[in-house]
Structure formats: structure tokens, C-alpha cells
Amino acid sequence: MNLNLIAYGLFLTITIYIIVVVGQICYRNGNTYVLSLVPGHQDLCTRINKILLTGYYLVNLGYTATTLIHWERITTLTAFIEILASRTGFIIVLLAILHYTNLFIITKYINKFI
């Protein structure tokens, strides 16, 4: 049995689930945050939030899919768990970094464009 294929399937299932759940949470709560930065422009805030969600999905799902080509061959169960945990952990850290970078950019530069 090829452990790489099992690891790919499990990795994609876990990370896609995490990406979708985090994206929906950020989308629901993000509109309130963006509206506090741009008061009185509900329609603009909704559009900004949808664009942020679309970009979030494209970047994270695309990166997750492309990381599969750099995996080494998995031969033992220990390596299976180690690689799966480290790759999933890296995606979670990347999500956090991208989220806080977006918050910083939006907070710092949104008023310059409106």
C-alpha cells in the first residue's frame, strides 16, 4: 500500500476543512471589522469582504495543492504521522500569518483609498 496516497488524501481533507472553516469565520466577522474602518459604506464593505474571501481561498487552496509535489516518499508509519503533522501545522501557521498581514494592510491603508 502506498502511504503517500493515503497521506495526500488525509492532508487535503484536513487542510481544506480548516481553510473553509476559518474562511467562513473570517467572512462572517470580517464584515463588521471592515464596516468599522469604513463607516456608512455597507455595500463597499460587503464587496471588500467577498474579495478578501475569494483571495483567501485561491491563495490557500492553491498553495495547499502545490505543496504535494514537494513531499518525500513515505515508507513508515512514523514518517507518515511526522510528515502529515508538520505539513498541516505549517499550513495553519501560514493561515495565521496571512490573516494578520491582511488585518495590518487593511487597517493601515484602507483610509488612504476612501
PDB file of N, CA and C in Angstrom:
ATOM      1  N   MET A   1       0.840  -1.175   0.000  1.00  0.00           N
ATOM      2  CA  MET A   1       0.000   0.000   0.000  1.00  0.00           C
ATOM      3  C   MET A   1       0.892   1.248   0.000  1.00  0.00           C
ATOM      4  N   ASN A   2       0.541   2.218  -0.805  1.00  0.00           N
ATOM      5  CA  ASN A   2       1.315   3.438  -0.915  1.00  0.00           C
ATOM      6  C   ASN A   2       0.855   4.429   0.160  1.00  0.00           C
ATOM      7  N   LEU A   3       1.727   4.688   1.126  1.00  0.00           N
ATOM      8  CA  LEU A   3       1.379   5.604   2.212  1.00  0.00           C
ATOM      9  C   LEU A   3       1.277   7.049   1.742  1.00  0.00           C
ATOM     10  N   ASN A   4       1.959   7.395   0.660  1.00  0.00           N
ATOM     11  CA  ASN A   4       1.870   8.758   0.148  1.00  0.00           C
ATOM     12  C   ASN A   4       0.446   9.106  -0.290  1.00  0.00           C
ATOM     13  N   LEU A   5      -0.204   8.198  -0.972  1.00  0.00           N
ATOM     14  CA  LEU A   5      -1.570   8.479  -1.434  1.00  0.00           C
ATOM     15  C   LEU A   5      -2.531   8.657  -0.259  1.00  0.00           C
ATOM     16  N   ILE A   6      -2.375   7.833   0.758  1.00  0.00           N
ATOM     17  CA  ILE A   6      -3.211   7.979   1.950  1.00  0.00           C
ATOM     18  C   ILE A   6      -2.914   9.307   2.644  1.00  0.00           C
ATOM     19  N   ALA A   7      -1.642   9.656   2.733  1.00  0.00           N
ATOM     20  CA  ALA A   7      -1.248  10.917   3.362  1.00  0.00           C
ATOM     21  C   ALA A   7      -1.776  12.113   2.568  1.00  0.00           C
ATOM     22  N   TYR A   8      -1.708  12.047   1.245  1.00  0.00           N
ATOM     23  CA  TYR A   8      -2.239  13.133   0.417  1.00  0.00           C
ATOM     24  C   TYR A   8      -3.729  13.331   0.679  1.00  0.00           C
ATOM     25  N   GLY A   9      -4.474  12.235   0.669  1.00  0.00           N
ATOM     26  CA  GLY A   9      -5.911  12.331   0.887  1.00  0.00           C
ATOM     27  C   GLY A   9      -6.249  12.877   2.256  1.00  0.00           C
ATOM     28  N   LEU A  10      -5.563  12.388   3.273  1.00  0.00           N
ATOM     29  CA  LEU A  10      -5.815  12.866   4.630  1.00  0.00           C
ATOM     30  C   LEU A  10      -5.387  14.316   4.793  1.00  0.00           C
ATOM     31  N   PHE A  11      -4.232  14.664   4.241  1.00  0.00           N
ATOM     32  CA  PHE A  11      -3.740  16.037   4.313  1.00  0.00           C
ATOM     33  C   PHE A  11      -4.704  17.007   3.631  1.00  0.00           C
ATOM     34  N   LEU A  12      -5.141  16.669   2.424  1.00  0.00           N
ATOM     35  CA  LEU A  12      -6.067  17.553   1.712  1.00  0.00           C
ATOM     36  C   LEU A  12      -7.395  17.671   2.434  1.00  0.00           C
ATOM     37  N   THR A  13      -7.888  16.577   2.989  1.00  0.00           N
ATOM     38  CA  THR A  13      -9.149  16.628   3.731  1.00  0.00           C
ATOM     39  C   THR A  13      -9.034  17.537   4.950  1.00  0.00           C
ATOM     40  N   ILE A  14      -7.975  17.362   5.723  1.00  0.00           N
ATOM     41  CA  ILE A  14      -7.790  18.173   6.933  1.00  0.00           C
ATOM     42  C   ILE A  14      -7.594  19.635   6.591  1.00  0.00           C
ATOM     43  N   THR A  15      -6.689  19.930   5.666  1.00  0.00           N
ATOM     44  CA  THR A  15      -6.381  21.330   5.381  1.00  0.00           C
ATOM     45  C   THR A  15      -7.521  22.043   4.663  1.00  0.00           C
ATOM     46  N   ILE A  16      -8.216  21.371   3.771  1.00  0.00           N
ATOM     47  CA  ILE A  16      -9.353  22.021   3.108  1.00  0.00           C
ATOM     48  C   ILE A  16     -10.446  22.312   4.120  1.00  0.00           C
ATOM     49  N   TYR A  17     -10.689  21.393   5.034  1.00  0.00           N
ATOM     50  CA  TYR A  17     -11.675  21.633   6.085  1.00  0.00           C
ATOM     51  C   TYR A  17     -11.275  22.843   6.927  1.00  0.00           C
ATOM     52  N   ILE A  18     -10.004  22.899   7.347  1.00  0.00           N
ATOM     53  CA  ILE A  18      -9.536  24.026   8.156  1.00  0.00           C
ATOM     54  C   ILE A  18      -9.645  25.331   7.378  1.00  0.00           C
ATOM     55  N   ILE A  19      -9.242  25.333   6.119  1.00  0.00           N
ATOM     56  CA  ILE A  19      -9.289  26.540   5.302  1.00  0.00           C
ATOM     57  C   ILE A  19     -10.727  27.031   5.134  1.00  0.00           C
ATOM     58  N   VAL A  20     -11.650  26.135   4.863  1.00  0.00           N
ATOM     59  CA  VAL A  20     -13.046  26.531   4.664  1.00  0.00           C
ATOM     60  C   VAL A  20     -13.665  27.059   5.962  1.00  0.00           C
ATOM     61  N   VAL A  21     -13.420  26.370   7.075  1.00  0.00           N
ATOM     62  CA  VAL A  21     -13.991  26.813   8.356  1.00  0.00           C
ATOM     63  C   VAL A  21     -13.432  28.174   8.761  1.00  0.00           C
ATOM     64  N   VAL A  22     -12.120  28.338   8.672  1.00  0.00           N
ATOM     65  CA  VAL A  22     -11.513  29.623   9.018  1.00  0.00           C
ATOM     66  C   VAL A  22     -11.993  30.720   8.067  1.00  0.00           C
ATOM     67  N   GLY A  23     -12.120  30.407   6.787  1.00  0.00           N
ATOM     68  CA  GLY A  23     -12.616  31.389   5.820  1.00  0.00           C
ATOM     69  C   GLY A  23     -14.028  31.842   6.132  1.00  0.00           C
ATOM     70  N   GLN A  24     -14.899  30.921   6.501  1.00  0.00           N
ATOM     71  CA  GLN A  24     -16.280  31.293   6.831  1.00  0.00           C
ATOM     72  C   GLN A  24     -16.342  32.126   8.107  1.00  0.00           C
ATOM     73  N   ILE A  25     -15.529  31.781   9.097  1.00  0.00           N
ATOM     74  CA  ILE A  25     -15.494  32.565  10.336  1.00  0.00           C
ATOM     75  C   ILE A  25     -14.988  33.969  10.060  1.00  0.00           C
ATOM     76  N   CYS A  26     -13.919  34.079   9.309  1.00  0.00           N
ATOM     77  CA  CYS A  26     -13.373  35.405   8.976  1.00  0.00           C
ATOM     78  C   CYS A  26     -14.348  36.205   8.119  1.00  0.00           C
ATOM     79  N   TYR A  27     -15.061  35.533   7.228  1.00  0.00           N
ATOM     80  CA  TYR A  27     -16.029  36.232   6.379  1.00  0.00           C
ATOM     81  C   TYR A  27     -17.181  36.779   7.219  1.00  0.00           C
ATOM     82  N   ARG A  28     -17.713  35.953   8.121  1.00  0.00           N
ATOM     83  CA  ARG A  28     -18.828  36.405   8.968  1.00  0.00           C
ATOM     84  C   ARG A  28     -18.429  37.574   9.850  1.00  0.00           C
ATOM     85  N   ASN A  29     -17.269  37.472  10.480  1.00  0.00           N
ATOM     86  CA  ASN A  29     -16.842  38.514  11.414  1.00  0.00           C
ATOM     87  C   ASN A  29     -16.109  39.654  10.725  1.00  0.00           C
ATOM     88  N   GLY A  30     -15.608  39.409   9.543  1.00  0.00           N
ATOM     89  CA  GLY A  30     -14.827  40.423   8.837  1.00  0.00           C
ATOM     90  C   GLY A  30     -15.647  41.595   8.350  1.00  0.00           C
ATOM     91  N   ASN A  31     -16.906  41.357   8.017  1.00  0.00           N
ATOM     92  CA  ASN A  31     -17.743  42.457   7.537  1.00  0.00           C
ATOM     93  C   ASN A  31     -17.915  43.512   8.614  1.00  0.00           C
ATOM     94  N   THR A  32     -18.090  43.098   9.848  1.00  0.00           N
ATOM     95  CA  THR A  32     -18.209  44.036  10.964  1.00  0.00           C
ATOM     96  C   THR A  32     -16.919  44.821  11.124  1.00  0.00           C
ATOM     97  N   TYR A  33     -15.787  44.139  11.005  1.00  0.00           N
ATOM     98  CA  TYR A  33     -14.490  44.801  11.141  1.00  0.00           C
ATOM     99  C   TYR A  33     -14.274  45.820  10.017  1.00  0.00           C
ATOM    100  N   VAL A  34     -14.536  45.428   8.790  1.00  0.00           N
ATOM    101  CA  VAL A  34     -14.338  46.340   7.659  1.00  0.00           C
ATOM    102  C   VAL A  34     -15.313  47.515   7.751  1.00  0.00           C
ATOM    103  N   LEU A  35     -16.536  47.254   8.205  1.00  0.00           N
ATOM    104  CA  LEU A  35     -17.517  48.338   8.360  1.00  0.00           C
ATOM    105  C   LEU A  35     -17.078  49.343   9.421  1.00  0.00           C
ATOM    106  N   SER A  36     -16.371  48.891  10.441  1.00  0.00           N
ATOM    107  CA  SER A  36     -15.869  49.834  11.451  1.00  0.00           C
ATOM    108  C   SER A  36     -14.752  50.711  10.877  1.00  0.00           C
ATOM    109  N   LEU A  37     -14.044  50.219   9.878  1.00  0.00           N
ATOM    110  CA  LEU A  37     -13.000  51.012   9.239  1.00  0.00           C
ATOM    111  C   LEU A  37     -13.570  51.993   8.225  1.00  0.00           C
ATOM    112  N   VAL A  38     -14.674  51.603   7.575  1.00  0.00           N
ATOM    113  CA  VAL A  38     -15.292  52.433   6.545  1.00  0.00           C
ATOM    114  C   VAL A  38     -16.775  52.610   6.908  1.00  0.00           C
ATOM    115  N   PRO A  39     -17.068  53.431   7.894  1.00  0.00           N
ATOM    116  CA  PRO A  39     -18.472  53.555   8.315  1.00  0.00           C
ATOM    117  C   PRO A  39     -19.330  54.197   7.225  1.00  0.00           C
ATOM    118  N   GLY A  40     -20.566  53.698   7.112  1.00  0.00           N
ATOM    119  CA  GLY A  40     -21.513  54.275   6.174  1.00  0.00           C
ATOM    120  C   GLY A  40     -21.427  53.727   4.763  1.00  0.00           C
ATOM    121  N   HIS A  41     -20.596  52.761   4.519  1.00  0.00           N
ATOM    122  CA  HIS A  41     -20.436  52.180   3.186  1.00  0.00           C
ATOM    123  C   HIS A  41     -20.652  50.668   3.253  1.00  0.00           C
ATOM    124  N   GLN A  42     -21.847  50.244   3.605  1.00  0.00           N
ATOM    125  CA  GLN A  42     -22.163  48.830   3.785  1.00  0.00           C
ATOM    126  C   GLN A  42     -21.910  48.019   2.512  1.00  0.00           C
ATOM    127  N   ASP A  43     -22.331  48.537   1.368  1.00  0.00           N
ATOM    128  CA  ASP A  43     -22.160  47.818   0.107  1.00  0.00           C
ATOM    129  C   ASP A  43     -20.681  47.629  -0.237  1.00  0.00           C
ATOM    130  N   LEU A  44     -19.898  48.684  -0.061  1.00  0.00           N
ATOM    131  CA  LEU A  44     -18.460  48.604  -0.317  1.00  0.00           C
ATOM    132  C   LEU A  44     -17.797  47.605   0.630  1.00  0.00           C
ATOM    133  N   CYS A  45     -18.189  47.607   1.882  1.00  0.00           N
ATOM    134  CA  CYS A  45     -17.611  46.684   2.866  1.00  0.00           C
ATOM    135  C   CYS A  45     -17.938  45.238   2.524  1.00  0.00           C
ATOM    136  N   THR A  46     -19.147  44.986   2.058  1.00  0.00           N
ATOM    137  CA  THR A  46     -19.524  43.627   1.668  1.00  0.00           C
ATOM    138  C   THR A  46     -18.693  43.171   0.477  1.00  0.00           C
ATOM    139  N   ARG A  47     -18.486  44.060  -0.491  1.00  0.00           N
ATOM    140  CA  ARG A  47     -17.667  43.704  -1.653  1.00  0.00           C
ATOM    141  C   ARG A  47     -16.204  43.452  -1.279  1.00  0.00           C
ATOM    142  N   ILE A  48     -15.673  44.302  -0.405  1.00  0.00           N
ATOM    143  CA  ILE A  48     -14.294  44.115   0.051  1.00  0.00           C
ATOM    144  C   ILE A  48     -14.159  42.774   0.756  1.00  0.00           C
ATOM    145  N   ASN A  49     -15.131  42.444   1.593  1.00  0.00           N
ATOM    146  CA  ASN A  49     -15.100  41.187   2.332  1.00  0.00           C
ATOM    147  C   ASN A  49     -15.185  39.976   1.400  1.00  0.00           C
ATOM    148  N   LYS A  50     -16.009  40.059   0.359  1.00  0.00           N
ATOM    149  CA  LYS A  50     -16.106  38.962  -0.603  1.00  0.00           C
ATOM    150  C   LYS A  50     -14.812  38.797  -1.393  1.00  0.00           C
ATOM    151  N   ILE A  51     -14.185  39.907  -1.752  1.00  0.00           N
ATOM    152  CA  ILE A  51     -12.911  39.849  -2.466  1.00  0.00           C
ATOM    153  C   ILE A  51     -11.832  39.237  -1.575  1.00  0.00           C
ATOM    154  N   LEU A  52     -11.818  39.620  -0.304  1.00  0.00           N
ATOM    155  CA  LEU A  52     -10.852  39.042   0.631  1.00  0.00           C
ATOM    156  C   LEU A  52     -11.066  37.537   0.789  1.00  0.00           C
ATOM    157  N   LEU A  53     -12.318  37.100   0.852  1.00  0.00           N
ATOM    158  CA  LEU A  53     -12.613  35.675   0.985  1.00  0.00           C
ATOM    159  C   LEU A  53     -12.183  34.902  -0.264  1.00  0.00           C
ATOM    160  N   THR A  54     -12.463  35.468  -1.427  1.00  0.00           N
ATOM    161  CA  THR A  54     -12.072  34.810  -2.681  1.00  0.00           C
ATOM    162  C   THR A  54     -10.553  34.693  -2.773  1.00  0.00           C
ATOM    163  N   GLY A  55      -9.847  35.768  -2.474  1.00  0.00           N
ATOM    164  CA  GLY A  55      -8.388  35.737  -2.490  1.00  0.00           C
ATOM    165  C   GLY A  55      -7.829  34.766  -1.466  1.00  0.00           C
ATOM    166  N   TYR A  56      -8.460  34.717  -0.310  1.00  0.00           N
ATOM    167  CA  TYR A  56      -8.046  33.802   0.749  1.00  0.00           C
ATOM    168  C   TYR A  56      -8.149  32.353   0.276  1.00  0.00           C
ATOM    169  N   TYR A  57      -9.283  32.013  -0.319  1.00  0.00           N
ATOM    170  CA  TYR A  57      -9.462  30.644  -0.820  1.00  0.00           C
ATOM    171  C   TYR A  57      -8.481  30.321  -1.941  1.00  0.00           C
ATOM    172  N   LEU A  58      -8.308  31.216  -2.879  1.00  0.00           N
ATOM    173  CA  LEU A  58      -7.408  30.960  -4.002  1.00  0.00           C
ATOM    174  C   LEU A  58      -5.969  30.747  -3.547  1.00  0.00           C
ATOM    175  N   VAL A  59      -5.493  31.618  -2.681  1.00  0.00           N
ATOM    176  CA  VAL A  59      -4.110  31.515  -2.218  1.00  0.00           C
ATOM    177  C   VAL A  59      -3.905  30.249  -1.393  1.00  0.00           C
ATOM    178  N   ASN A  60      -4.769  30.024  -0.424  1.00  0.00           N
ATOM    179  CA  ASN A  60      -4.546  28.907   0.496  1.00  0.00           C
ATOM    180  C   ASN A  60      -4.811  27.547  -0.134  1.00  0.00           C
ATOM    181  N   LEU A  61      -5.874  27.414  -0.891  1.00  0.00           N
ATOM    182  CA  LEU A  61      -6.141  26.132  -1.536  1.00  0.00           C
ATOM    183  C   LEU A  61      -5.105  25.839  -2.614  1.00  0.00           C
ATOM    184  N   GLY A  62      -4.706  26.857  -3.346  1.00  0.00           N
ATOM    185  CA  GLY A  62      -3.673  26.676  -4.363  1.00  0.00           C
ATOM    186  C   GLY A  62      -2.343  26.295  -3.757  1.00  0.00           C
ATOM    187  N   TYR A  63      -1.959  26.960  -2.681  1.00  0.00           N
ATOM    188  CA  TYR A  63      -0.697  26.631  -2.026  1.00  0.00           C
ATOM    189  C   TYR A  63      -0.734  25.221  -1.447  1.00  0.00           C
ATOM    190  N   THR A  64      -1.859  24.871  -0.836  1.00  0.00           N
ATOM    191  CA  THR A  64      -2.000  23.530  -0.266  1.00  0.00           C
ATOM    192  C   THR A  64      -1.846  22.464  -1.343  1.00  0.00           C
ATOM    193  N   ALA A  65      -2.453  22.673  -2.487  1.00  0.00           N
ATOM    194  CA  ALA A  65      -2.365  21.686  -3.563  1.00  0.00           C
ATOM    195  C   ALA A  65      -0.949  21.596  -4.132  1.00  0.00           C
ATOM    196  N   THR A  66      -0.280  22.726  -4.254  1.00  0.00           N
ATOM    197  CA  THR A  66       1.061  22.699  -4.840  1.00  0.00           C
ATOM    198  C   THR A  66       2.118  22.149  -3.890  1.00  0.00           C
ATOM    199  N   THR A  67       1.855  22.125  -2.598  1.00  0.00           N
ATOM    200  CA  THR A  67       2.846  21.572  -1.676  1.00  0.00           C
ATOM    201  C   THR A  67       2.982  20.067  -1.821  1.00  0.00           C
ATOM    202  N   LEU A  68       2.007  19.424  -2.417  1.00  0.00           N
ATOM    203  CA  LEU A  68       2.061  17.969  -2.549  1.00  0.00           C
ATOM    204  C   LEU A  68       3.220  17.489  -3.413  1.00  0.00           C
ATOM    205  N   ILE A  69       3.662  18.299  -4.367  1.00  0.00           N
ATOM    206  CA  ILE A  69       4.737  17.854  -5.250  1.00  0.00           C
ATOM    207  C   ILE A  69       6.094  17.817  -4.550  1.00  0.00           C
ATOM    208  N   HIS A  70       6.211  18.469  -3.395  1.00  0.00           N
ATOM    209  CA  HIS A  70       7.487  18.525  -2.689  1.00  0.00           C
ATOM    210  C   HIS A  70       7.599  17.501  -1.568  1.00  0.00           C
ATOM    211  N   TRP A  71       6.635  16.619  -1.451  1.00  0.00           N
ATOM    212  CA  TRP A  71       6.691  15.612  -0.384  1.00  0.00           C
ATOM    213  C   TRP A  71       7.680  14.518  -0.752  1.00  0.00           C
ATOM    214  N   GLU A  72       8.389  14.058   0.267  1.00  0.00           N
ATOM    215  CA  GLU A  72       9.274  12.919   0.050  1.00  0.00           C
ATOM    216  C   GLU A  72       8.482  11.617   0.180  1.00  0.00           C
ATOM    217  N   ARG A  73       9.083  10.539  -0.222  1.00  0.00           N
ATOM    218  CA  ARG A  73       8.400   9.238  -0.181  1.00  0.00           C
ATOM    219  C   ARG A  73       8.238   8.797   1.271  1.00  0.00           C
ATOM    220  N   ILE A  74       7.027   8.392   1.631  1.00  0.00           N
ATOM    221  CA  ILE A  74       6.724   7.938   2.983  1.00  0.00           C
ATOM    222  C   ILE A  74       6.805   6.411   2.995  1.00  0.00           C
ATOM    223  N   THR A  75       7.650   5.888   3.886  1.00  0.00           N
ATOM    224  CA  THR A  75       7.850   4.441   3.925  1.00  0.00           C
ATOM    225  C   THR A  75       7.415   3.809   5.240  1.00  0.00           C
ATOM    226  N   THR A  76       7.338   4.602   6.322  1.00  0.00           N
ATOM    227  CA  THR A  76       6.958   4.041   7.623  1.00  0.00           C
ATOM    228  C   THR A  76       5.786   4.816   8.204  1.00  0.00           C
ATOM    229  N   LEU A  77       5.143   4.210   9.165  1.00  0.00           N
ATOM    230  CA  LEU A  77       4.021   4.863   9.833  1.00  0.00           C
ATOM    231  C   LEU A  77       4.483   6.081  10.626  1.00  0.00           C
ATOM    232  N   THR A  78       5.666   6.005  11.201  1.00  0.00           N
ATOM    233  CA  THR A  78       6.226   7.145  11.941  1.00  0.00           C
ATOM    234  C   THR A  78       6.445   8.334  11.008  1.00  0.00           C
ATOM    235  N   ALA A  79       7.013   8.084   9.861  1.00  0.00           N
ATOM    236  CA  ALA A  79       7.221   9.149   8.877  1.00  0.00           C
ATOM    237  C   ALA A  79       5.883   9.693   8.393  1.00  0.00           C
ATOM    238  N   PHE A  80       4.902   8.826   8.242  1.00  0.00           N
ATOM    239  CA  PHE A  80       3.558   9.233   7.823  1.00  0.00           C
ATOM    240  C   PHE A  80       2.987  10.264   8.794  1.00  0.00           C
ATOM    241  N   ILE A  81       3.037   9.946  10.082  1.00  0.00           N
ATOM    242  CA  ILE A  81       2.492  10.852  11.102  1.00  0.00           C
ATOM    243  C   ILE A  81       3.315  12.136  11.189  1.00  0.00           C
ATOM    244  N   GLU A  82       4.636  12.002  11.123  1.00  0.00           N
ATOM    245  CA  GLU A  82       5.514  13.164  11.218  1.00  0.00           C
ATOM    246  C   GLU A  82       5.300  14.135  10.056  1.00  0.00           C
ATOM    247  N   ILE A  83       5.261  13.626   8.867  1.00  0.00           N
ATOM    248  CA  ILE A  83       5.095  14.485   7.692  1.00  0.00           C
ATOM    249  C   ILE A  83       3.704  15.107   7.674  1.00  0.00           C
ATOM    250  N   LEU A  84       2.695  14.321   7.974  1.00  0.00           N
ATOM    251  CA  LEU A  84       1.328  14.836   7.987  1.00  0.00           C
ATOM    252  C   LEU A  84       1.168  15.943   9.034  1.00  0.00           C
ATOM    253  N   ALA A  85       1.714  15.748  10.223  1.00  0.00           N
ATOM    254  CA  ALA A  85       1.605  16.752  11.292  1.00  0.00           C
ATOM    255  C   ALA A  85       2.384  18.018  10.937  1.00  0.00           C
ATOM    256  N   SER A  86       3.596  17.865  10.427  1.00  0.00           N
ATOM    257  CA  SER A  86       4.400  19.052  10.123  1.00  0.00           C
ATOM    258  C   SER A  86       3.819  19.843   8.958  1.00  0.00           C
ATOM    259  N   ARG A  87       3.331  19.169   7.936  1.00  0.00           N
ATOM    260  CA  ARG A  87       2.747  19.875   6.787  1.00  0.00           C
ATOM    261  C   ARG A  87       1.436  20.569   7.165  1.00  0.00           C
ATOM    262  N   THR A  88       0.619  19.894   7.955  1.00  0.00           N
ATOM    263  CA  THR A  88      -0.638  20.503   8.395  1.00  0.00           C
ATOM    264  C   THR A  88      -0.360  21.681   9.325  1.00  0.00           C
ATOM    265  N   GLY A  89       0.591  21.525  10.227  1.00  0.00           N
ATOM    266  CA  GLY A  89       0.964  22.618  11.120  1.00  0.00           C
ATOM    267  C   GLY A  89       1.484  23.825  10.366  1.00  0.00           C
ATOM    268  N   PHE A  90       2.275  23.579   9.324  1.00  0.00           N
ATOM    269  CA  PHE A  90       2.796  24.686   8.526  1.00  0.00           C
ATOM    270  C   PHE A  90       1.664  25.449   7.841  1.00  0.00           C
ATOM    271  N   ILE A  91       0.671  24.734   7.326  1.00  0.00           N
ATOM    272  CA  ILE A  91      -0.471  25.396   6.684  1.00  0.00           C
ATOM    273  C   ILE A  91      -1.227  26.252   7.694  1.00  0.00           C
ATOM    274  N   ILE A  92      -1.395  25.753   8.914  1.00  0.00           N
ATOM    275  CA  ILE A  92      -2.100  26.516   9.951  1.00  0.00           C
ATOM    276  C   ILE A  92      -1.329  27.778  10.314  1.00  0.00           C
ATOM    277  N   VAL A  93      -0.019  27.680  10.449  1.00  0.00           N
ATOM    278  CA  VAL A  93       0.802  28.860  10.737  1.00  0.00           C
ATOM    279  C   VAL A  93       0.730  29.849   9.582  1.00  0.00           C
ATOM    280  N   LEU A  94       0.758  29.346   8.365  1.00  0.00           N
ATOM    281  CA  LEU A  94       0.643  30.219   7.190  1.00  0.00           C
ATOM    282  C   LEU A  94      -0.695  30.950   7.177  1.00  0.00           C
ATOM    283  N   LEU A  95      -1.763  30.275   7.542  1.00  0.00           N
ATOM    284  CA  LEU A  95      -3.072  30.917   7.615  1.00  0.00           C
ATOM    285  C   LEU A  95      -3.063  32.068   8.616  1.00  0.00           C
ATOM    286  N   ALA A  96      -2.452  31.841   9.762  1.00  0.00           N
ATOM    287  CA  ALA A  96      -2.383  32.886  10.784  1.00  0.00           C
ATOM    288  C   ALA A  96      -1.573  34.084  10.290  1.00  0.00           C
ATOM    289  N   ILE A  97      -0.446  33.828   9.663  1.00  0.00           N
ATOM    290  CA  ILE A  97       0.385  34.920   9.147  1.00  0.00           C
ATOM    291  C   ILE A  97      -0.363  35.716   8.089  1.00  0.00           C
ATOM    292  N   LEU A  98      -1.018  35.042   7.168  1.00  0.00           N
ATOM    293  CA  LEU A  98      -1.768  35.745   6.125  1.00  0.00           C
ATOM    294  C   LEU A  98      -2.925  36.540   6.716  1.00  0.00           C
ATOM    295  N   HIS A  99      -3.588  35.998   7.719  1.00  0.00           N
ATOM    296  CA  HIS A  99      -4.710  36.699   8.343  1.00  0.00           C
ATOM    297  C   HIS A  99      -4.232  37.997   8.994  1.00  0.00           C
ATOM    298  N   TYR A 100      -3.184  37.926   9.791  1.00  0.00           N
ATOM    299  CA  TYR A 100      -2.700  39.131  10.456  1.00  0.00           C
ATOM    300  C   TYR A 100      -2.063  40.122   9.480  1.00  0.00           C
ATOM    301  N   THR A 101      -1.489  39.634   8.411  1.00  0.00           N
ATOM    302  CA  THR A 101      -0.974  40.538   7.380  1.00  0.00           C
ATOM    303  C   THR A 101      -2.119  41.292   6.717  1.00  0.00           C
ATOM    304  N   ASN A 102      -3.206  40.591   6.402  1.00  0.00           N
ATOM    305  CA  ASN A 102      -4.376  41.250   5.826  1.00  0.00           C
ATOM    306  C   ASN A 102      -4.945  42.292   6.773  1.00  0.00           C
ATOM    307  N   LEU A 103      -5.056  41.959   8.054  1.00  0.00           N
ATOM    308  CA  LEU A 103      -5.563  42.926   9.031  1.00  0.00           C
ATOM    309  C   LEU A 103      -4.683  44.167   9.088  1.00  0.00           C
ATOM    310  N   PHE A 104      -3.376  43.967   9.070  1.00  0.00           N
ATOM    311  CA  PHE A 104      -2.451  45.094   9.104  1.00  0.00           C
ATOM    312  C   PHE A 104      -2.600  45.971   7.869  1.00  0.00           C
ATOM    313  N   ILE A 105      -2.638  45.348   6.711  1.00  0.00           N
ATOM    314  CA  ILE A 105      -2.740  46.112   5.462  1.00  0.00           C
ATOM    315  C   ILE A 105      -4.063  46.863   5.394  1.00  0.00           C
ATOM    316  N   ILE A 106      -5.145  46.205   5.727  1.00  0.00           N
ATOM    317  CA  ILE A 106      -6.457  46.858   5.668  1.00  0.00           C
ATOM    318  C   ILE A 106      -6.517  48.014   6.650  1.00  0.00           C
ATOM    319  N   THR A 107      -6.054  47.799   7.879  1.00  0.00           N
ATOM    320  CA  THR A 107      -6.107  48.845   8.892  1.00  0.00           C
ATOM    321  C   THR A 107      -5.236  50.032   8.521  1.00  0.00           C
ATOM    322  N   LYS A 108      -4.080  49.764   7.979  1.00  0.00           N
ATOM    323  CA  LYS A 108      -3.136  50.845   7.685  1.00  0.00           C
ATOM    324  C   LYS A 108      -3.500  51.637   6.427  1.00  0.00           C
ATOM    325  N   TYR A 109      -4.017  50.945   5.398  1.00  0.00           N
ATOM    326  CA  TYR A 109      -4.153  51.594   4.096  1.00  0.00           C
ATOM    327  C   TYR A 109      -5.583  51.840   3.619  1.00  0.00           C
ATOM    328  N   ILE A 110      -6.577  51.363   4.327  1.00  0.00           N
ATOM    329  CA  ILE A 110      -7.962  51.491   3.813  1.00  0.00           C
ATOM    330  C   ILE A 110      -8.402  52.962   3.735  1.00  0.00           C
ATOM    331  N   ASN A 111      -8.025  53.754   4.701  1.00  0.00           N
ATOM    332  CA  ASN A 111      -8.468  55.158   4.705  1.00  0.00           C
ATOM    333  C   ASN A 111      -7.776  56.001   3.642  1.00  0.00           C
ATOM    334  N   LYS A 112      -6.655  55.544   3.105  1.00  0.00           N
ATOM    335  CA  LYS A 112      -5.973  56.288   2.048  1.00  0.00           C
ATOM    336  C   LYS A 112      -6.712  56.204   0.719  1.00  0.00           C
ATOM    337  N   PHE A 113      -7.528  55.139   0.540  1.00  0.00           N
ATOM    338  CA  PHE A 113      -8.214  54.924  -0.737  1.00  0.00           C
ATOM    339  C   PHE A 113      -9.648  55.401  -0.715  1.00  0.00           C
ATOM    340  N   ILE A 114     -10.161  55.766   0.436  1.00  0.00           N
ATOM    341  CA  ILE A 114     -11.578  56.169   0.510  1.00  0.00           C
ATOM    342  C   ILE A 114     -11.686  57.645   0.766  1.00  0.00           C
TER     343      ILE A 114
END
